PDB file of N, CA and C in Angstrom:
ATOM      1  N   MET A   1      -3.281  13.983 -43.682  1.00  0.00           N
ATOM      2  CA  MET A   1      -3.072  14.088 -42.257  1.00  0.00           C
ATOM      3  C   MET A   1      -1.860  14.983 -42.015  1.00  0.00           C
ATOM      4  N   SER A   2      -2.025  16.016 -41.256  1.00  0.00           N
ATOM      5  CA  SER A   2      -0.925  16.934 -40.996  1.00  0.00           C
ATOM      6  C   SER A   2      -0.162  16.506 -39.742  1.00  0.00           C
ATOM      7  N   SER A   3       1.151  16.729 -39.796  1.00  0.00           N
ATOM      8  CA  SER A   3       1.946  16.390 -38.620  1.00  0.00           C
ATOM      9  C   SER A   3       2.114  17.641 -37.763  1.00  0.00           C
ATOM     10  N   LYS A   4       2.159  17.428 -36.470  1.00  0.00           N
ATOM     11  CA  LYS A   4       2.301  18.535 -35.527  1.00  0.00           C
ATOM     12  C   LYS A   4       3.775  18.914 -35.451  1.00  0.00           C
ATOM     13  N   LYS A   5       4.074  20.162 -35.768  1.00  0.00           N
ATOM     14  CA  LYS A   5       5.443  20.649 -35.708  1.00  0.00           C
ATOM     15  C   LYS A   5       5.575  21.669 -34.607  1.00  0.00           C
ATOM     16  N   ASN A   6       6.702  21.633 -33.931  1.00  0.00           N
ATOM     17  CA  ASN A   6       6.966  22.599 -32.873  1.00  0.00           C
ATOM     18  C   ASN A   6       7.155  23.972 -33.501  1.00  0.00           C
ATOM     19  N   VAL A   7       6.369  24.948 -33.066  1.00  0.00           N
ATOM     20  CA  VAL A   7       6.450  26.294 -33.596  1.00  0.00           C
ATOM     21  C   VAL A   7       7.779  26.938 -33.207  1.00  0.00           C
ATOM     22  N   PHE A   8       8.272  26.625 -32.035  1.00  0.00           N
ATOM     23  CA  PHE A   8       9.529  27.170 -31.541  1.00  0.00           C
ATOM     24  C   PHE A   8      10.551  26.050 -31.443  1.00  0.00           C
ATOM     25  N   PRO A   9      11.383  25.881 -32.474  1.00  0.00           N
ATOM     26  CA  PRO A   9      12.377  24.804 -32.416  1.00  0.00           C
ATOM     27  C   PRO A   9      13.386  25.025 -31.297  1.00  0.00           C
ATOM     28  N   TRP A  10      13.955  23.930 -30.842  1.00  0.00           N
ATOM     29  CA  TRP A  10      14.932  23.974 -29.750  1.00  0.00           C
ATOM     30  C   TRP A  10      16.249  24.543 -30.273  1.00  0.00           C
ATOM     31  N   THR A  11      16.846  25.407 -29.477  1.00  0.00           N
ATOM     32  CA  THR A  11      18.148  25.966 -29.828  1.00  0.00           C
ATOM     33  C   THR A  11      19.254  25.077 -29.272  1.00  0.00           C
ATOM     34  N   GLU A  12      20.448  25.291 -29.787  1.00  0.00           N
ATOM     35  CA  GLU A  12      21.618  24.550 -29.304  1.00  0.00           C
ATOM     36  C   GLU A  12      21.824  24.815 -27.810  1.00  0.00           C
ATOM     37  N   ARG A  13      21.618  26.039 -27.406  1.00  0.00           N
ATOM     38  CA  ARG A  13      21.795  26.425 -26.002  1.00  0.00           C
ATOM     39  C   ARG A  13      20.797  25.698 -25.094  1.00  0.00           C
ATOM     40  N   GLU A  14      19.558  25.579 -25.549  1.00  0.00           N
ATOM     41  CA  GLU A  14      18.537  24.871 -24.760  1.00  0.00           C
ATOM     42  C   GLU A  14      18.877  23.394 -24.634  1.00  0.00           C
ATOM     43  N   VAL A  15      19.331  22.802 -25.725  1.00  0.00           N
ATOM     44  CA  VAL A  15      19.669  21.380 -25.708  1.00  0.00           C
ATOM     45  C   VAL A  15      20.838  21.122 -24.758  1.00  0.00           C
ATOM     46  N   LYS A  16      21.842  22.000 -24.805  1.00  0.00           N
ATOM     47  CA  LYS A  16      22.982  21.841 -23.885  1.00  0.00           C
ATOM     48  C   LYS A  16      22.538  21.974 -22.437  1.00  0.00           C
ATOM     49  N   ALA A  17      21.676  22.952 -22.160  1.00  0.00           N
ATOM     50  CA  ALA A  17      21.171  23.136 -20.796  1.00  0.00           C
ATOM     51  C   ALA A  17      20.364  21.920 -20.358  1.00  0.00           C
ATOM     52  N   LEU A  18      19.575  21.370 -21.261  1.00  0.00           N
ATOM     53  CA  LEU A  18      18.773  20.177 -20.961  1.00  0.00           C
ATOM     54  C   LEU A  18      19.670  18.997 -20.609  1.00  0.00           C
ATOM     55  N   ILE A  19      20.653  18.745 -21.434  1.00  0.00           N
ATOM     56  CA  ILE A  19      21.538  17.599 -21.199  1.00  0.00           C
ATOM     57  C   ILE A  19      22.313  17.782 -19.896  1.00  0.00           C
ATOM     58  N   GLN A  20      22.774  18.999 -19.649  1.00  0.00           N
ATOM     59  CA  GLN A  20      23.521  19.260 -18.418  1.00  0.00           C
ATOM     60  C   GLN A  20      22.630  19.042 -17.189  1.00  0.00           C
ATOM     61  N   ALA A  21      21.409  19.559 -17.237  1.00  0.00           N
ATOM     62  CA  ALA A  21      20.497  19.422 -16.094  1.00  0.00           C
ATOM     63  C   ALA A  21      20.126  17.960 -15.858  1.00  0.00           C
ATOM     64  N   VAL A  22      19.905  17.207 -16.920  1.00  0.00           N
ATOM     65  CA  VAL A  22      19.566  15.788 -16.770  1.00  0.00           C
ATOM     66  C   VAL A  22      20.780  15.011 -16.276  1.00  0.00           C
ATOM     67  N   LYS A  23      21.935  15.371 -16.782  1.00  0.00           N
ATOM     68  CA  LYS A  23      23.159  14.672 -16.379  1.00  0.00           C
ATOM     69  C   LYS A  23      23.370  14.766 -14.865  1.00  0.00           C
ATOM     70  N   ILE A  24      23.093  15.937 -14.306  1.00  0.00           N
ATOM     71  CA  ILE A  24      23.262  16.136 -12.866  1.00  0.00           C
ATOM     72  C   ILE A  24      22.258  15.311 -12.075  1.00  0.00           C
ATOM     73  N   ARG A  25      21.072  15.130 -12.620  1.00  0.00           N
ATOM     74  CA  ARG A  25      19.998  14.419 -11.911  1.00  0.00           C
ATOM     75  C   ARG A  25      19.768  13.003 -12.461  1.00  0.00           C
ATOM     76  N   HIS A  26      20.697  12.533 -13.260  1.00  0.00           N
ATOM     77  CA  HIS A  26      20.530  11.251 -13.960  1.00  0.00           C
ATOM     78  C   HIS A  26      20.253  10.089 -13.023  1.00  0.00           C
ATOM     79  N   SER A  27      20.987  10.011 -11.920  1.00  0.00           N
ATOM     80  CA  SER A  27      20.795   8.874 -11.011  1.00  0.00           C
ATOM     81  C   SER A  27      19.404   8.885 -10.389  1.00  0.00           C
ATOM     82  N   LEU A  28      18.856  10.070 -10.152  1.00  0.00           N
ATOM     83  CA  LEU A  28      17.498  10.153  -9.594  1.00  0.00           C
ATOM     84  C   LEU A  28      16.446   9.717 -10.611  1.00  0.00           C
ATOM     85  N   LEU A  29      16.682  10.059 -11.879  1.00  0.00           N
ATOM     86  CA  LEU A  29      15.694   9.761 -12.915  1.00  0.00           C
ATOM     87  C   LEU A  29      15.830   8.348 -13.482  1.00  0.00           C
ATOM     88  N   PHE A  30      17.071   7.877 -13.612  1.00  0.00           N
ATOM     89  CA  PHE A  30      17.283   6.623 -14.320  1.00  0.00           C
ATOM     90  C   PHE A  30      18.103   5.591 -13.555  1.00  0.00           C
ATOM     91  N   GLY A  31      18.667   5.966 -12.410  1.00  0.00           N
ATOM     92  CA  GLY A  31      19.503   5.049 -11.640  1.00  0.00           C
ATOM     93  C   GLY A  31      18.684   4.104 -10.782  1.00  0.00           C
ATOM     94  N   SER A  32      19.378   3.379  -9.929  1.00  0.00           N
ATOM     95  CA  SER A  32      18.690   2.400  -9.081  1.00  0.00           C
ATOM     96  C   SER A  32      17.740   3.064  -8.082  1.00  0.00           C
ATOM     97  N   SER A  33      18.011   4.323  -7.733  1.00  0.00           N
ATOM     98  CA  SER A  33      17.136   5.011  -6.780  1.00  0.00           C
ATOM     99  C   SER A  33      15.840   5.514  -7.410  1.00  0.00           C
ATOM    100  N   CYS A  34      15.730   5.448  -8.738  1.00  0.00           N
ATOM    101  CA  CYS A  34      14.521   5.966  -9.396  1.00  0.00           C
ATOM    102  C   CYS A  34      13.282   5.165  -8.999  1.00  0.00           C
ATOM    103  N   MET A  35      13.474   3.928  -8.603  1.00  0.00           N
ATOM    104  CA  MET A  35      12.333   3.101  -8.209  1.00  0.00           C
ATOM    105  C   MET A  35      11.851   3.443  -6.798  1.00  0.00           C
ATOM    106  N   LEU A  36      12.686   4.165  -6.050  1.00  0.00           N
ATOM    107  CA  LEU A  36      12.325   4.526  -4.679  1.00  0.00           C
ATOM    108  C   LEU A  36      11.483   5.793  -4.602  1.00  0.00           C
ATOM    109  N   ILE A  37      11.549   6.601  -5.645  1.00  0.00           N
ATOM    110  CA  ILE A  37      10.798   7.860  -5.612  1.00  0.00           C
ATOM    111  C   ILE A  37       9.515   7.709  -6.419  1.00  0.00           C
ATOM    112  N   GLY A  38       8.523   8.445  -6.031  1.00  0.00           N
ATOM    113  CA  GLY A  38       7.235   8.349  -6.684  1.00  0.00           C
ATOM    114  C   GLY A  38       7.125   9.186  -7.943  1.00  0.00           C
ATOM    115  N   ARG A  39       6.008   9.031  -8.599  1.00  0.00           N
ATOM    116  CA  ARG A  39       5.734   9.738  -9.842  1.00  0.00           C
ATOM    117  C   ARG A  39       5.773  11.249  -9.637  1.00  0.00           C
ATOM    118  N   LEU A  40       5.191  11.720  -8.539  1.00  0.00           N
ATOM    119  CA  LEU A  40       5.168  13.159  -8.280  1.00  0.00           C
ATOM    120  C   LEU A  40       6.573  13.717  -8.062  1.00  0.00           C
ATOM    121  N   ALA A  41       7.418  12.964  -7.401  1.00  0.00           N
ATOM    122  CA  ALA A  41       8.798  13.407  -7.184  1.00  0.00           C
ATOM    123  C   ALA A  41       9.540  13.478  -8.512  1.00  0.00           C
ATOM    124  N   ARG A  42       9.329  12.486  -9.388  1.00  0.00           N
ATOM    125  CA  ARG A  42       9.960  12.518 -10.717  1.00  0.00           C
ATOM    126  C   ARG A  42       9.446  13.702 -11.530  1.00  0.00           C
ATOM    127  N   GLU A  43       8.155  13.988 -11.425  1.00  0.00           N
ATOM    128  CA  GLU A  43       7.604  15.153 -12.122  1.00  0.00           C
ATOM    129  C   GLU A  43       8.242  16.434 -11.594  1.00  0.00           C
ATOM    130  N   GLY A  44       8.503  16.480 -10.288  1.00  0.00           N
ATOM    131  CA  GLY A  44       9.176  17.634  -9.700  1.00  0.00           C
ATOM    132  C   GLY A  44      10.585  17.797 -10.230  1.00  0.00           C
ATOM    133  N   ILE A  45      11.267  16.685 -10.430  1.00  0.00           N
ATOM    134  CA  ILE A  45      12.626  16.742 -10.979  1.00  0.00           C
ATOM    135  C   ILE A  45      12.590  17.260 -12.404  1.00  0.00           C
ATOM    136  N   TRP A  46      11.633  16.779 -13.213  1.00  0.00           N
ATOM    137  CA  TRP A  46      11.510  17.271 -14.595  1.00  0.00           C
ATOM    138  C   TRP A  46      11.117  18.744 -14.620  1.00  0.00           C
ATOM    139  N   SER A  47      10.325  19.193 -13.648  1.00  0.00           N
ATOM    140  CA  SER A  47       9.985  20.625 -13.555  1.00  0.00           C
ATOM    141  C   SER A  47      11.226  21.446 -13.251  1.00  0.00           C
ATOM    142  N   GLU A  48      12.065  20.912 -12.380  1.00  0.00           N
ATOM    143  CA  GLU A  48      13.326  21.570 -12.046  1.00  0.00           C
ATOM    144  C   GLU A  48      14.228  21.668 -13.276  1.00  0.00           C
ATOM    145  N   ILE A  49      14.256  20.611 -14.069  1.00  0.00           N
ATOM    146  CA  ILE A  49      15.041  20.595 -15.303  1.00  0.00           C
ATOM    147  C   ILE A  49      14.468  21.624 -16.283  1.00  0.00           C
ATOM    148  N   ALA A  50      13.146  21.709 -16.360  1.00  0.00           N
ATOM    149  CA  ALA A  50      12.506  22.694 -17.244  1.00  0.00           C
ATOM    150  C   ALA A  50      12.893  24.113 -16.824  1.00  0.00           C
ATOM    151  N   GLN A  51      12.985  24.363 -15.526  1.00  0.00           N
ATOM    152  CA  GLN A  51      13.416  25.687 -15.047  1.00  0.00           C
ATOM    153  C   GLN A  51      14.835  25.997 -15.513  1.00  0.00           C
ATOM    154  N   CYS A  52      15.711  25.013 -15.446  1.00  0.00           N
ATOM    155  CA  CYS A  52      17.095  25.206 -15.910  1.00  0.00           C
ATOM    156  C   CYS A  52      17.126  25.524 -17.402  1.00  0.00           C
ATOM    157  N   VAL A  53      16.310  24.809 -18.167  1.00  0.00           N
ATOM    158  CA  VAL A  53      16.244  25.054 -19.605  1.00  0.00           C
ATOM    159  C   VAL A  53      15.680  26.447 -19.871  1.00  0.00           C
ATOM    160  N   ASN A  54      14.628  26.818 -19.150  1.00  0.00           N
ATOM    161  CA  ASN A  54      13.990  28.115 -19.368  1.00  0.00           C
ATOM    162  C   ASN A  54      14.903  29.285 -19.013  1.00  0.00           C
ATOM    163  N   GLU A  55      15.847  29.080 -18.113  1.00  0.00           N
ATOM    164  CA  GLU A  55      16.819  30.123 -17.791  1.00  0.00           C
ATOM    165  C   GLU A  55      17.738  30.401 -18.971  1.00  0.00           C
ATOM    166  N   ASN A  56      17.827  29.456 -19.895  1.00  0.00           N
ATOM    167  CA  ASN A  56      18.699  29.579 -21.062  1.00  0.00           C
ATOM    168  C   ASN A  56      17.902  29.712 -22.354  1.00  0.00           C
ATOM    169  N   SER A  57      16.666  30.177 -22.233  1.00  0.00           N
ATOM    170  CA  SER A  57      15.787  30.178 -23.394  1.00  0.00           C
ATOM    171  C   SER A  57      14.888  31.410 -23.427  1.00  0.00           C
ATOM    172  N   ASP A  58      14.481  31.769 -24.625  1.00  0.00           N
ATOM    173  CA  ASP A  58      13.473  32.814 -24.795  1.00  0.00           C
ATOM    174  C   ASP A  58      12.080  32.204 -24.856  1.00  0.00           C
ATOM    175  N   THR A  59      12.014  30.899 -25.000  1.00  0.00           N
ATOM    176  CA  THR A  59      10.760  30.165 -25.090  1.00  0.00           C
ATOM    177  C   THR A  59      10.557  29.375 -23.810  1.00  0.00           C
ATOM    178  N   LEU A  60       9.390  29.463 -23.215  1.00  0.00           N
ATOM    179  CA  LEU A  60       9.103  28.681 -22.014  1.00  0.00           C
ATOM    180  C   LEU A  60       8.788  27.243 -22.405  1.00  0.00           C
ATOM    181  N   ARG A  61       9.511  26.327 -21.799  1.00  0.00           N
ATOM    182  CA  ARG A  61       9.308  24.886 -22.042  1.00  0.00           C
ATOM    183  C   ARG A  61       8.679  24.270 -20.808  1.00  0.00           C
ATOM    184  N   THR A  62       7.720  23.375 -21.025  1.00  0.00           N
ATOM    185  CA  THR A  62       7.085  22.675 -19.914  1.00  0.00           C
ATOM    186  C   THR A  62       7.906  21.438 -19.561  1.00  0.00           C
ATOM    187  N   SER A  63       7.615  20.860 -18.405  1.00  0.00           N
ATOM    188  CA  SER A  63       8.331  19.645 -17.999  1.00  0.00           C
ATOM    189  C   SER A  63       8.059  18.507 -18.985  1.00  0.00           C
ATOM    190  N   SER A  64       6.860  18.463 -19.544  1.00  0.00           N
ATOM    191  CA  SER A  64       6.533  17.418 -20.531  1.00  0.00           C
ATOM    192  C   SER A  64       7.348  17.598 -21.808  1.00  0.00           C
ATOM    193  N   GLU A  65       7.454  18.838 -22.281  1.00  0.00           N
ATOM    194  CA  GLU A  65       8.253  19.115 -23.479  1.00  0.00           C
ATOM    195  C   GLU A  65       9.711  18.751 -23.257  1.00  0.00           C
ATOM    196  N   VAL A  66      10.217  19.088 -22.080  1.00  0.00           N
ATOM    197  CA  VAL A  66      11.610  18.817 -21.737  1.00  0.00           C
ATOM    198  C   VAL A  66      11.853  17.313 -21.701  1.00  0.00           C
ATOM    199  N   ARG A  67      10.959  16.581 -21.068  1.00  0.00           N
ATOM    200  CA  ARG A  67      11.104  15.122 -20.974  1.00  0.00           C
ATOM    201  C   ARG A  67      11.051  14.482 -22.367  1.00  0.00           C
ATOM    202  N   LEU A  68      10.109  14.923 -23.195  1.00  0.00           N
ATOM    203  CA  LEU A  68       9.999  14.377 -24.550  1.00  0.00           C
ATOM    204  C   LEU A  68      11.234  14.685 -25.383  1.00  0.00           C
ATOM    205  N   LYS A  69      11.754  15.907 -25.263  1.00  0.00           N
ATOM    206  CA  LYS A  69      12.955  16.279 -26.020  1.00  0.00           C
ATOM    207  C   LYS A  69      14.147  15.445 -25.566  1.00  0.00           C
ATOM    208  N   TYR A  70      14.284  15.244 -24.262  1.00  0.00           N
ATOM    209  CA  TYR A  70      15.390  14.421 -23.780  1.00  0.00           C
ATOM    210  C   TYR A  70      15.262  12.987 -24.301  1.00  0.00           C
ATOM    211  N   ASN A  71      14.059  12.437 -24.275  1.00  0.00           N
ATOM    212  CA  ASN A  71      13.855  11.085 -24.794  1.00  0.00           C
ATOM    213  C   ASN A  71      14.210  11.016 -26.279  1.00  0.00           C
ATOM    214  N   GLU A  72      13.874  12.061 -27.010  1.00  0.00           N
ATOM    215  CA  GLU A  72      14.175  12.116 -28.449  1.00  0.00           C
ATOM    216  C   GLU A  72      15.683  12.150 -28.699  1.00  0.00           C
ATOM    217  N   ILE A  73      16.378  13.046 -28.014  1.00  0.00           N
ATOM    218  CA  ILE A  73      17.814  13.164 -28.284  1.00  0.00           C
ATOM    219  C   ILE A  73      18.620  12.027 -27.661  1.00  0.00           C
ATOM    220  N   SER A  74      18.093  11.397 -26.630  1.00  0.00           N
ATOM    221  CA  SER A  74      18.838  10.291 -26.016  1.00  0.00           C
ATOM    222  C   SER A  74      18.859   9.065 -26.923  1.00  0.00           C
ATOM    223  N   ARG A  75      17.990   9.045 -27.903  1.00  0.00           N
ATOM    224  CA  ARG A  75      17.976   7.940 -28.877  1.00  0.00           C
ATOM    225  C   ARG A  75      18.990   8.157 -29.995  1.00  0.00           C
ATOM    226  N   LYS A  76      19.615   9.340 -30.012  1.00  0.00           N
ATOM    227  CA  LYS A  76      20.607   9.665 -31.039  1.00  0.00           C
ATOM    228  C   LYS A  76      21.975   9.701 -30.375  1.00  0.00           C
ATOM    229  N   PRO A  77      22.699   8.594 -30.399  1.00  0.00           N
ATOM    230  CA  PRO A  77      23.977   8.522 -29.670  1.00  0.00           C
ATOM    231  C   PRO A  77      24.978   9.583 -30.110  1.00  0.00           C
ATOM    232  N   GLU A  78      24.988   9.940 -31.398  1.00  0.00           N
ATOM    233  CA  GLU A  78      25.954  10.930 -31.860  1.00  0.00           C
ATOM    234  C   GLU A  78      25.687  12.306 -31.241  1.00  0.00           C
ATOM    235  N   VAL A  79      24.419  12.642 -31.027  1.00  0.00           N
ATOM    236  CA  VAL A  79      24.080  13.926 -30.400  1.00  0.00           C
ATOM    237  C   VAL A  79      24.472  13.890 -28.934  1.00  0.00           C
ATOM    238  N   MET A  80      24.124  12.830 -28.237  1.00  0.00           N
ATOM    239  CA  MET A  80      24.440  12.716 -26.814  1.00  0.00           C
ATOM    240  C   MET A  80      25.954  12.730 -26.592  1.00  0.00           C
ATOM    241  N   GLU A  81      26.674  12.011 -27.433  1.00  0.00           N
ATOM    242  CA  GLU A  81      28.127  11.944 -27.287  1.00  0.00           C
ATOM    243  C   GLU A  81      28.741  13.321 -27.486  1.00  0.00           C
ATOM    244  N   GLU A  82      28.302  14.021 -28.519  1.00  0.00           N
ATOM    245  CA  GLU A  82      28.832  15.361 -28.802  1.00  0.00           C
ATOM    246  C   GLU A  82      28.541  16.320 -27.646  1.00  0.00           C
ATOM    247  N   LYS A  83      27.306  16.341 -27.168  1.00  0.00           N
ATOM    248  CA  LYS A  83      26.913  17.270 -26.106  1.00  0.00           C
ATOM    249  C   LYS A  83      27.550  16.877 -24.775  1.00  0.00           C
ATOM    250  N   SER A  84      27.652  15.584 -24.500  1.00  0.00           N
ATOM    251  CA  SER A  84      28.243  15.129 -23.243  1.00  0.00           C
ATOM    252  C   SER A  84      29.704  15.530 -23.156  1.00  0.00           C
ATOM    253  N   LEU A  85      30.413  15.434 -24.253  1.00  0.00           N
ATOM    254  CA  LEU A  85      31.814  15.821 -24.254  1.00  0.00           C
ATOM    255  C   LEU A  85      31.960  17.305 -23.964  1.00  0.00           C
ATOM    256  N   VAL A  86      31.094  18.108 -24.527  1.00  0.00           N
ATOM    257  CA  VAL A  86      31.154  19.547 -24.294  1.00  0.00           C
ATOM    258  C   VAL A  86      30.850  19.854 -22.840  1.00  0.00           C
ATOM    259  N   LEU A  87      29.840  19.202 -22.269  1.00  0.00           N
ATOM    260  CA  LEU A  87      29.405  19.527 -20.919  1.00  0.00           C
ATOM    261  C   LEU A  87      30.295  18.933 -19.843  1.00  0.00           C
ATOM    262  N   SER A  88      30.940  17.814 -20.130  1.00  0.00           N
ATOM    263  CA  SER A  88      31.743  17.187 -19.094  1.00  0.00           C
ATOM    264  C   SER A  88      33.161  17.765 -19.026  1.00  0.00           C
ATOM    265  N   ASN A  89      33.540  18.599 -19.978  1.00  0.00           N
ATOM    266  CA  ASN A  89      34.862  19.201 -19.984  1.00  0.00           C
ATOM    267  C   ASN A  89      34.748  20.725 -19.986  1.00  0.00           C
ATOM    268  N   PRO A  90      34.315  21.316 -18.864  1.00  0.00           N
ATOM    269  CA  PRO A  90      34.179  22.766 -18.840  1.00  0.00           C
ATOM    270  C   PRO A  90      35.525  23.441 -19.066  1.00  0.00           C
ATOM    271  N   LYS A  91      35.507  24.534 -19.809  1.00  0.00           N
ATOM    272  CA  LYS A  91      36.748  25.202 -20.179  1.00  0.00           C
ATOM    273  C   LYS A  91      37.161  26.286 -19.192  1.00  0.00           C
ATOM    274  N   THR A  92      36.212  26.790 -18.407  1.00  0.00           N
ATOM    275  CA  THR A  92      36.554  27.867 -17.487  1.00  0.00           C
ATOM    276  C   THR A  92      36.241  27.467 -16.062  1.00  0.00           C
ATOM    277  N   LYS A  93      36.861  28.175 -15.124  1.00  0.00           N
ATOM    278  CA  LYS A  93      36.621  27.897 -13.718  1.00  0.00           C
ATOM    279  C   LYS A  93      35.190  28.249 -13.330  1.00  0.00           C
ATOM    280  N   SER A  94      34.626  29.299 -13.949  1.00  0.00           N
ATOM    281  CA  SER A  94      33.257  29.695 -13.593  1.00  0.00           C
ATOM    282  C   SER A  94      32.269  28.605 -13.994  1.00  0.00           C
ATOM    283  N   GLN A  95      32.510  27.941 -15.124  1.00  0.00           N
ATOM    284  CA  GLN A  95      31.633  26.846 -15.511  1.00  0.00           C
ATOM    285  C   GLN A  95      31.731  25.703 -14.513  1.00  0.00           C
ATOM    286  N   THR A  96      32.922  25.433 -14.032  1.00  0.00           N
ATOM    287  CA  THR A  96      33.105  24.375 -13.045  1.00  0.00           C
ATOM    288  C   THR A  96      32.365  24.719 -11.763  1.00  0.00           C
ATOM    289  N   LYS A  97      32.448  25.990 -11.324  1.00  0.00           N
ATOM    290  CA  LYS A  97      31.733  26.412 -10.131  1.00  0.00           C
ATOM    291  C   LYS A  97      30.234  26.262 -10.320  1.00  0.00           C
ATOM    292  N   ASP A  98      29.733  26.642 -11.522  1.00  0.00           N
ATOM    293  CA  ASP A  98      28.310  26.514 -11.795  1.00  0.00           C
ATOM    294  C   ASP A  98      27.874  25.057 -11.722  1.00  0.00           C
ATOM    295  N   LEU A  99      28.700  24.151 -12.265  1.00  0.00           N
ATOM    296  CA  LEU A  99      28.367  22.732 -12.214  1.00  0.00           C
ATOM    297  C   LEU A  99      28.314  22.245 -10.774  1.00  0.00           C
ATOM    298  N   LYS A 100      29.249  22.703  -9.949  1.00  0.00           N
ATOM    299  CA  LYS A 100      29.262  22.289  -8.553  1.00  0.00           C
ATOM    300  C   LYS A 100      28.029  22.804  -7.820  1.00  0.00           C
ATOM    301  N   LYS A 101      27.607  24.041  -8.131  1.00  0.00           N
ATOM    302  CA  LYS A 101      26.403  24.588  -7.514  1.00  0.00           C
ATOM    303  C   LYS A 101      25.185  23.766  -7.907  1.00  0.00           C
ATOM    304  N   LEU A 102      25.092  23.433  -9.200  1.00  0.00           N
ATOM    305  CA  LEU A 102      23.956  22.637  -9.660  1.00  0.00           C
ATOM    306  C   LEU A 102      23.979  21.254  -9.032  1.00  0.00           C
ATOM    307  N   ASP A 103      25.175  20.679  -8.915  1.00  0.00           N
ATOM    308  CA  ASP A 103      25.295  19.361  -8.308  1.00  0.00           C
ATOM    309  C   ASP A 103      24.872  19.413  -6.843  1.00  0.00           C
ATOM    310  N   ALA A 104      25.253  20.462  -6.135  1.00  0.00           N
ATOM    311  CA  ALA A 104      24.868  20.604  -4.733  1.00  0.00           C
ATOM    312  C   ALA A 104      23.352  20.719  -4.615  1.00  0.00           C
ATOM    313  N   GLY A 105      22.731  21.466  -5.522  1.00  0.00           N
ATOM    314  CA  GLY A 105      21.276  21.594  -5.529  1.00  0.00           C
ATOM    315  C   GLY A 105      20.608  20.260  -5.793  1.00  0.00           C
ATOM    316  N   SER A 106      21.208  19.480  -6.671  1.00  0.00           N
ATOM    317  CA  SER A 106      20.674  18.161  -6.981  1.00  0.00           C
ATOM    318  C   SER A 106      20.744  17.247  -5.765  1.00  0.00           C
ATOM    319  N   LYS A 107      21.852  17.336  -5.011  1.00  0.00           N
ATOM    320  CA  LYS A 107      21.990  16.505  -3.810  1.00  0.00           C
ATOM    321  C   LYS A 107      20.959  16.903  -2.760  1.00  0.00           C
ATOM    322  N   ALA A 108      20.693  18.204  -2.668  1.00  0.00           N
ATOM    323  CA  ALA A 108      19.678  18.665  -1.715  1.00  0.00           C
ATOM    324  C   ALA A 108      18.323  18.109  -2.120  1.00  0.00           C
ATOM    325  N   TRP A 109      18.021  18.122  -3.414  1.00  0.00           N
ATOM    326  CA  TRP A 109      16.755  17.580  -3.904  1.00  0.00           C
ATOM    327  C   TRP A 109      16.699  16.082  -3.619  1.00  0.00           C
ATOM    328  N   SER A 110      17.817  15.392  -3.829  1.00  0.00           N
ATOM    329  CA  SER A 110      17.877  13.958  -3.584  1.00  0.00           C
ATOM    330  C   SER A 110      17.552  13.641  -2.132  1.00  0.00           C
ATOM    331  N   GLY A 111      18.122  14.424  -1.217  1.00  0.00           N
ATOM    332  CA  GLY A 111      17.855  14.201   0.201  1.00  0.00           C
ATOM    333  C   GLY A 111      16.395  14.424   0.531  1.00  0.00           C
ATOM    334  N   ALA A 112      15.806  15.450  -0.056  1.00  0.00           N
ATOM    335  CA  ALA A 112      14.388  15.731   0.179  1.00  0.00           C
ATOM    336  C   ALA A 112      13.543  14.591  -0.357  1.00  0.00           C
ATOM    337  N   THR A 113      13.929  14.060  -1.513  1.00  0.00           N
ATOM    338  CA  THR A 113      13.175  12.972  -2.115  1.00  0.00           C
ATOM    339  C   THR A 113      13.241  11.722  -1.249  1.00  0.00           C
ATOM    340  N   VAL A 114      14.436  11.392  -0.774  1.00  0.00           N
ATOM    341  CA  VAL A 114      14.589  10.210   0.084  1.00  0.00           C
ATOM    342  C   VAL A 114      13.764  10.386   1.348  1.00  0.00           C
ATOM    343  N   GLY A 115      13.779  11.595   1.931  1.00  0.00           N
ATOM    344  CA  GLY A 115      12.983  11.871   3.117  1.00  0.00           C
ATOM    345  C   GLY A 115      11.508  11.699   2.848  1.00  0.00           C
ATOM    346  N   MET A 116      11.078  12.110   1.657  1.00  0.00           N
ATOM    347  CA  MET A 116       9.666  11.961   1.297  1.00  0.00           C
ATOM    348  C   MET A 116       9.304  10.481   1.187  1.00  0.00           C
ATOM    349  N   VAL A 117      10.215   9.678   0.624  1.00  0.00           N
ATOM    350  CA  VAL A 117       9.948   8.250   0.484  1.00  0.00           C
ATOM    351  C   VAL A 117       9.863   7.605   1.867  1.00  0.00           C
ATOM    352  N   GLU A 118      10.818   7.972   2.749  1.00  0.00           N
ATOM    353  CA  GLU A 118      10.825   7.381   4.076  1.00  0.00           C
ATOM    354  C   GLU A 118       9.614   7.769   4.884  1.00  0.00           C
ATOM    355  N   ASN A 119       9.072   8.959   4.629  1.00  0.00           N
ATOM    356  CA  ASN A 119       7.892   9.438   5.353  1.00  0.00           C
ATOM    357  C   ASN A 119       6.590   9.140   4.617  1.00  0.00           C
ATOM    358  N   ASN A 120       6.665   8.356   3.557  1.00  0.00           N
ATOM    359  CA  ASN A 120       5.502   7.944   2.764  1.00  0.00           C
ATOM    360  C   ASN A 120       4.716   9.107   2.168  1.00  0.00           C
ATOM    361  N   PHE A 121       5.431  10.103   1.654  1.00  0.00           N
ATOM    362  CA  PHE A 121       4.778  11.226   0.976  1.00  0.00           C
ATOM    363  C   PHE A 121       4.795  11.014  -0.508  1.00  0.00           C
TER     364      PHE A 121
END
């Protein structure tokens, strides 16, 4: 029986982008508000995360691949701890600005999601 191997392994840059994108949207995906949003809204969030990863990659990743990779690395505390420390302590002002822009985009998505829940979409 042959095992399925990813033809295009994940790069360090892709993994960092994945963790950063999930970190910004963590409360929507895993927090108390995750029960308020529907499956389609969560799929939209993972698609958004896949776009962030693809901006830092030569390989196009789907939302399913991104979700599976995050689930895989989130089970390895040493990897998450190492990457979280790197991402939570930006060294330059431009990185801080980029994080704020991404966070603002996440808040806009959050508001749209809450509106969709309130309007039964």
